[in-house]
Protein backbone atom coordinates (compact mmCIF):
# COMPACT_ATOMS: atom_id res chain seq x y z
CA UNK A 1 89.62 150.27 95.02
CA UNK A 2 87.19 152.66 93.37
CA UNK A 3 84.14 154.73 94.11
CA UNK A 4 82.24 153.38 91.10
CA UNK A 5 82.28 150.25 88.98
CA UNK A 6 83.57 150.21 85.43
CA UNK A 7 86.69 152.31 86.01
CA UNK A 8 89.14 149.46 85.32
CA UNK A 9 90.27 148.71 88.86
CA UNK A 10 90.21 144.92 88.41
CA UNK A 11 92.29 145.07 85.26
CA UNK A 12 94.79 147.43 86.87
CA UNK A 13 95.07 145.23 89.98
CA UNK A 14 95.57 142.10 87.88
CA UNK A 15 98.12 143.75 85.59
CA UNK A 16 100.10 145.04 88.58
CA UNK A 17 100.20 141.54 90.04
CA UNK A 18 101.36 140.09 86.70
CA UNK A 19 104.08 142.71 86.33
CA UNK A 20 105.37 142.04 89.84
CA UNK A 21 105.37 138.28 89.19
CA UNK A 22 107.25 138.80 85.91
CA UNK A 23 109.89 140.72 87.87
CA UNK A 24 110.27 137.75 90.25
CA UNK A 25 108.42 139.24 93.21
CA UNK A 26 106.46 136.77 95.33
CA UNK A 27 102.97 138.11 94.78
CA UNK A 28 99.40 137.07 95.44
CA UNK A 29 96.17 138.33 93.89
CA UNK A 30 92.99 138.04 95.96
CA UNK A 31 89.66 138.88 94.28
CA UNK A 32 87.38 140.08 97.08
CA UNK A 33 84.57 141.07 94.72
CA UNK A 34 82.76 137.94 95.88
CA UNK A 35 79.40 138.55 94.20
CA UNK A 36 80.84 139.51 90.80
CA UNK A 37 84.50 138.47 90.37
CA UNK A 38 86.19 139.25 87.05
CA UNK A 39 89.95 138.91 87.52
CA UNK A 40 89.79 135.25 86.41
CA UNK A 41 88.71 136.49 82.97
CA UNK A 42 91.85 138.61 82.67
CA UNK A 43 94.00 135.67 83.78
CA UNK A 44 92.11 133.03 81.78
CA UNK A 45 91.98 131.10 85.04
CA UNK A 46 88.37 129.92 85.07
CA UNK A 47 89.36 126.26 84.80
CA UNK A 48 91.74 126.23 87.76
CA UNK A 49 90.99 124.93 91.25
CA UNK A 50 92.75 125.53 94.58
CA UNK A 51 94.17 122.61 96.53
CA UNK A 52 92.19 122.07 99.72
CA UNK A 53 94.41 120.36 102.26
CA UNK A 54 94.67 121.79 105.78
CA UNK A 55 93.47 125.04 104.25
CA UNK A 56 93.18 126.47 100.75
CA UNK A 57 96.33 126.61 98.61
CA UNK A 58 95.80 129.08 95.74
CA UNK A 59 96.80 127.93 92.25
CA UNK A 60 99.58 129.75 90.43
CA UNK A 61 98.98 131.72 87.24
CA UNK A 62 101.96 133.24 85.42
CA UNK A 63 103.99 132.98 88.62
CA UNK A 64 101.46 134.64 90.93
CA UNK A 65 99.26 132.99 93.54
CA UNK A 66 95.61 133.61 92.78
CA UNK A 67 92.48 133.26 94.91
CA UNK A 68 88.92 133.97 93.81
CA UNK A 69 85.44 132.65 94.55
CA UNK A 70 85.09 132.30 90.77
CA UNK A 71 86.72 128.88 91.26
CA UNK A 72 83.57 127.72 93.05
CA UNK A 73 80.78 129.64 91.29
CA UNK A 74 80.84 128.06 87.84
CA UNK A 75 79.79 131.35 86.26
CA UNK A 76 76.79 131.73 88.55
CA UNK A 77 75.90 134.83 90.56
CA UNK A 78 76.41 134.81 94.33
CA UNK A 79 73.55 136.85 95.88
CA UNK A 80 75.00 137.56 99.31
CA UNK A 81 74.93 140.58 101.57
CA UNK A 82 75.84 141.82 105.03
CA UNK A 83 77.01 139.20 107.50
CA UNK A 84 77.15 136.50 104.82
CA UNK A 85 79.84 138.46 102.97
CA UNK A 86 81.70 139.17 106.21
CA UNK A 87 81.72 135.46 107.05
CA UNK A 88 83.12 134.51 103.63
CA UNK A 89 85.82 137.17 103.90
CA UNK A 90 86.91 136.01 107.35
CA UNK A 91 86.89 132.34 106.35
CA UNK A 92 88.87 133.01 103.18
CA UNK A 93 91.40 135.15 105.04
CA UNK A 94 91.75 132.46 107.72
CA UNK A 95 92.05 129.40 105.49
CA UNK A 96 93.98 130.61 102.44
CA UNK A 97 97.63 129.54 102.64
CA UNK A 98 99.59 132.15 100.72
CA UNK A 99 103.06 131.29 101.99
CA UNK A 100 105.72 134.00 101.94
CA UNK A 101 104.75 136.98 99.80
CA UNK A 102 106.37 140.29 98.96
CA UNK A 103 102.96 141.75 98.15
CA UNK A 104 99.31 140.71 98.24
CA UNK A 105 97.13 142.70 95.85
CA UNK A 106 93.44 142.70 96.76
CA UNK A 107 90.83 143.56 94.15
CA UNK A 108 87.94 145.16 96.02
CA UNK A 109 84.31 145.55 94.97
CA UNK A 110 83.44 149.12 93.94
CA UNK A 111 82.00 151.71 96.27
CA UNK A 112 81.74 152.00 100.02
CA UNK A 113 80.54 148.44 100.54
CA UNK A 114 80.28 146.06 103.48
CA UNK A 115 83.39 144.26 102.23
CA UNK A 116 85.38 147.50 102.06
CA UNK A 117 84.42 148.34 105.63
CA UNK A 118 85.29 144.79 106.70
CA UNK A 119 88.73 145.08 105.10
CA UNK A 120 89.32 148.31 107.00
CA UNK A 121 88.32 146.56 110.21
CA UNK A 122 90.07 143.21 109.87
CA UNK A 123 93.11 143.86 107.63
CA UNK A 124 94.90 146.59 109.51
CA UNK A 125 98.12 146.56 107.45
CA UNK A 126 96.37 147.21 104.14
CA UNK A 127 97.18 150.30 102.08
CA UNK A 128 94.70 151.61 99.56
CA UNK A 129 95.18 152.47 95.89
CA UNK A 130 92.26 154.31 94.32
CA UNK A 131 91.26 154.22 90.66
CA UNK A 132 89.11 156.84 88.94
CA UNK A 133 88.35 158.00 85.42
CA UNK A 134 88.30 161.59 84.15
CA UNK A 135 84.51 161.64 84.66
CA UNK A 136 83.29 164.22 87.16
CA UNK A 137 80.71 161.72 88.42
CA UNK A 138 83.35 159.04 88.97
CA UNK A 139 85.62 161.45 90.81
CA UNK A 140 82.81 162.70 93.03
CA UNK A 141 82.50 159.19 94.48
CA UNK A 142 86.30 159.03 94.79
CA UNK A 143 86.27 162.28 96.74
CA UNK A 144 83.88 160.75 99.27
CA UNK A 145 85.96 157.57 99.41
CA UNK A 146 89.19 159.48 100.08
CA UNK A 147 87.54 161.56 102.79
CA UNK A 148 86.22 158.40 104.48
CA UNK A 149 89.63 156.71 104.38
CA UNK A 150 91.27 159.82 105.83
CA UNK A 151 88.65 160.01 108.60
CA UNK A 152 89.33 156.36 109.48
CA UNK A 153 93.10 156.81 109.39
CA UNK A 154 93.55 154.32 106.53
CA UNK A 155 96.72 154.88 104.45
CA UNK A 156 96.15 155.86 100.81
CA UNK A 157 98.99 155.10 98.40
CA UNK A 158 97.57 157.42 95.78
CA UNK A 159 95.10 157.83 92.94
CA UNK A 160 95.33 156.50 89.37
CA UNK A 161 93.39 158.17 86.55
CA UNK A 162 92.35 155.45 84.10
CA UNK A 163 90.99 155.83 80.54
CA UNK A 164 92.49 159.28 80.28
CA UNK A 165 91.60 160.87 76.93
CA UNK A 166 93.14 164.36 77.11
CA UNK A 167 96.02 166.27 78.68
CA UNK A 168 93.82 168.12 81.17
CA UNK A 169 95.14 168.12 84.75
CA UNK A 170 91.72 168.46 86.36
CA UNK A 171 91.89 165.13 88.22
CA UNK A 172 95.50 165.75 89.29
CA UNK A 173 94.56 169.10 90.82
CA UNK A 174 91.52 167.62 92.57
CA UNK A 175 93.58 164.77 94.05
CA UNK A 176 96.32 167.10 95.29
CA UNK A 177 93.70 169.45 96.78
CA UNK A 178 92.59 166.48 98.90
CA UNK A 179 96.18 166.01 100.06
CA UNK A 180 96.78 162.74 98.20
CA UNK A 181 99.27 161.63 95.54
CA UNK A 182 98.29 161.64 91.89
CA UNK A 183 100.24 158.63 90.63
CA UNK A 184 99.57 159.12 86.94
CA UNK A 185 97.16 158.64 84.07
CA UNK A 186 96.53 155.61 81.85
CA UNK A 187 95.28 156.21 78.32
CA UNK A 188 92.61 154.21 76.52
CA UNK A 189 94.25 151.29 74.69
CA UNK A 190 92.37 149.89 71.68
CA UNK A 191 94.34 146.60 71.89
CA UNK A 192 93.40 145.90 75.47
CA UNK A 193 90.15 143.97 75.06
CA UNK A 194 91.64 141.46 72.62
CA UNK A 195 94.52 140.83 75.04
CA UNK A 196 92.36 139.69 77.97
CA UNK A 197 93.21 136.10 78.84
CA UNK A 198 96.37 136.22 76.68
CA UNK A 199 98.88 137.27 79.28
CA UNK A 200 101.99 137.71 77.15
CA UNK A 201 99.97 139.94 74.82
CA UNK A 202 98.48 141.85 77.74
CA UNK A 203 101.90 142.63 79.19
CA UNK A 204 103.01 144.02 75.84
CA UNK A 205 100.20 146.58 75.57
CA UNK A 206 100.58 150.31 76.09
CA UNK A 207 98.19 149.89 79.02
CA UNK A 208 100.60 147.51 80.78
CA UNK A 209 103.53 149.86 80.13
CA UNK A 210 101.66 152.75 81.73
CA UNK A 211 100.55 150.59 84.67
CA UNK A 212 104.19 149.54 85.06
CA UNK A 213 105.34 153.15 85.25
CA UNK A 214 102.84 153.80 88.05
CA UNK A 215 103.82 150.57 89.80
CA UNK A 216 107.47 151.67 89.85
CA UNK A 217 106.40 154.87 91.61
CA UNK A 218 104.57 152.83 94.24
CA UNK A 219 107.53 150.49 94.77
CA UNK A 220 109.78 153.55 95.11
CA UNK A 221 107.43 155.01 97.73
CA UNK A 222 107.65 151.75 99.70
CA UNK A 223 111.47 151.55 99.71
C-alpha cells in the first residue's frame, strides 16, 4: 500500500507475486484498486477471463492466480464510492475460489481510502507493506498512514523506498524513527517500462532483482 499514487506499488506487488510463483510458491494476486486497476497491464492479462462456476475461479498467469475487476471493465472507468466499493470487496472476497495458497498479495488503491479501511475491518490476518519514494511529500502521506496503522493495531511488515536516486538515508532514518523496518531501496530502472507485459524480460531487470532482495527479507521475517 502507499500514501500517494504513482510510487510504483502495483508494479512492486505484481513483481513480488511473479517472483514467488517462479520459486514454486502457491501465490495469488488480487487487485483491489477497483476503480483504476493496472496490474493486468504488467501481466499482459487483459484478455483473460475467470471461470464462473459455483464462485469465481481466477485464471493463472505465469503460475500465479490472478483476480482483478479489469476482466469485466473492458478498459472503462468504474465510478464507484462508499458502500458500492464495500459491497464489491465483500462479494469478491466471498466468491473468489483461490484454493490453497502460500501467500495472497493484495494491491491496494493509494491513500487512506474506503477500501483500505474495509480491508482493515474485514481481512484481519492481513499484514501491510508500504511503498514510498524519496519525495518528502510522498513520505509525509506515508507517515500518516503508518501512524494510522499503528493506532489500529494493524501489523506493518516494513517500508520500501522505490525510485531511489541517491545514497541518502533520509527515508531510512524517518522509517526507523517511526519504529518500523526499512526493507530497502529500489533504484530507477530505464529498462522497466519496455518490460511491462513481457514477464520473462521483467524478471530479468535490475528492478526485479532489487524487489527479490527485499522479498527474501520479508520471507525471512515470516519464517
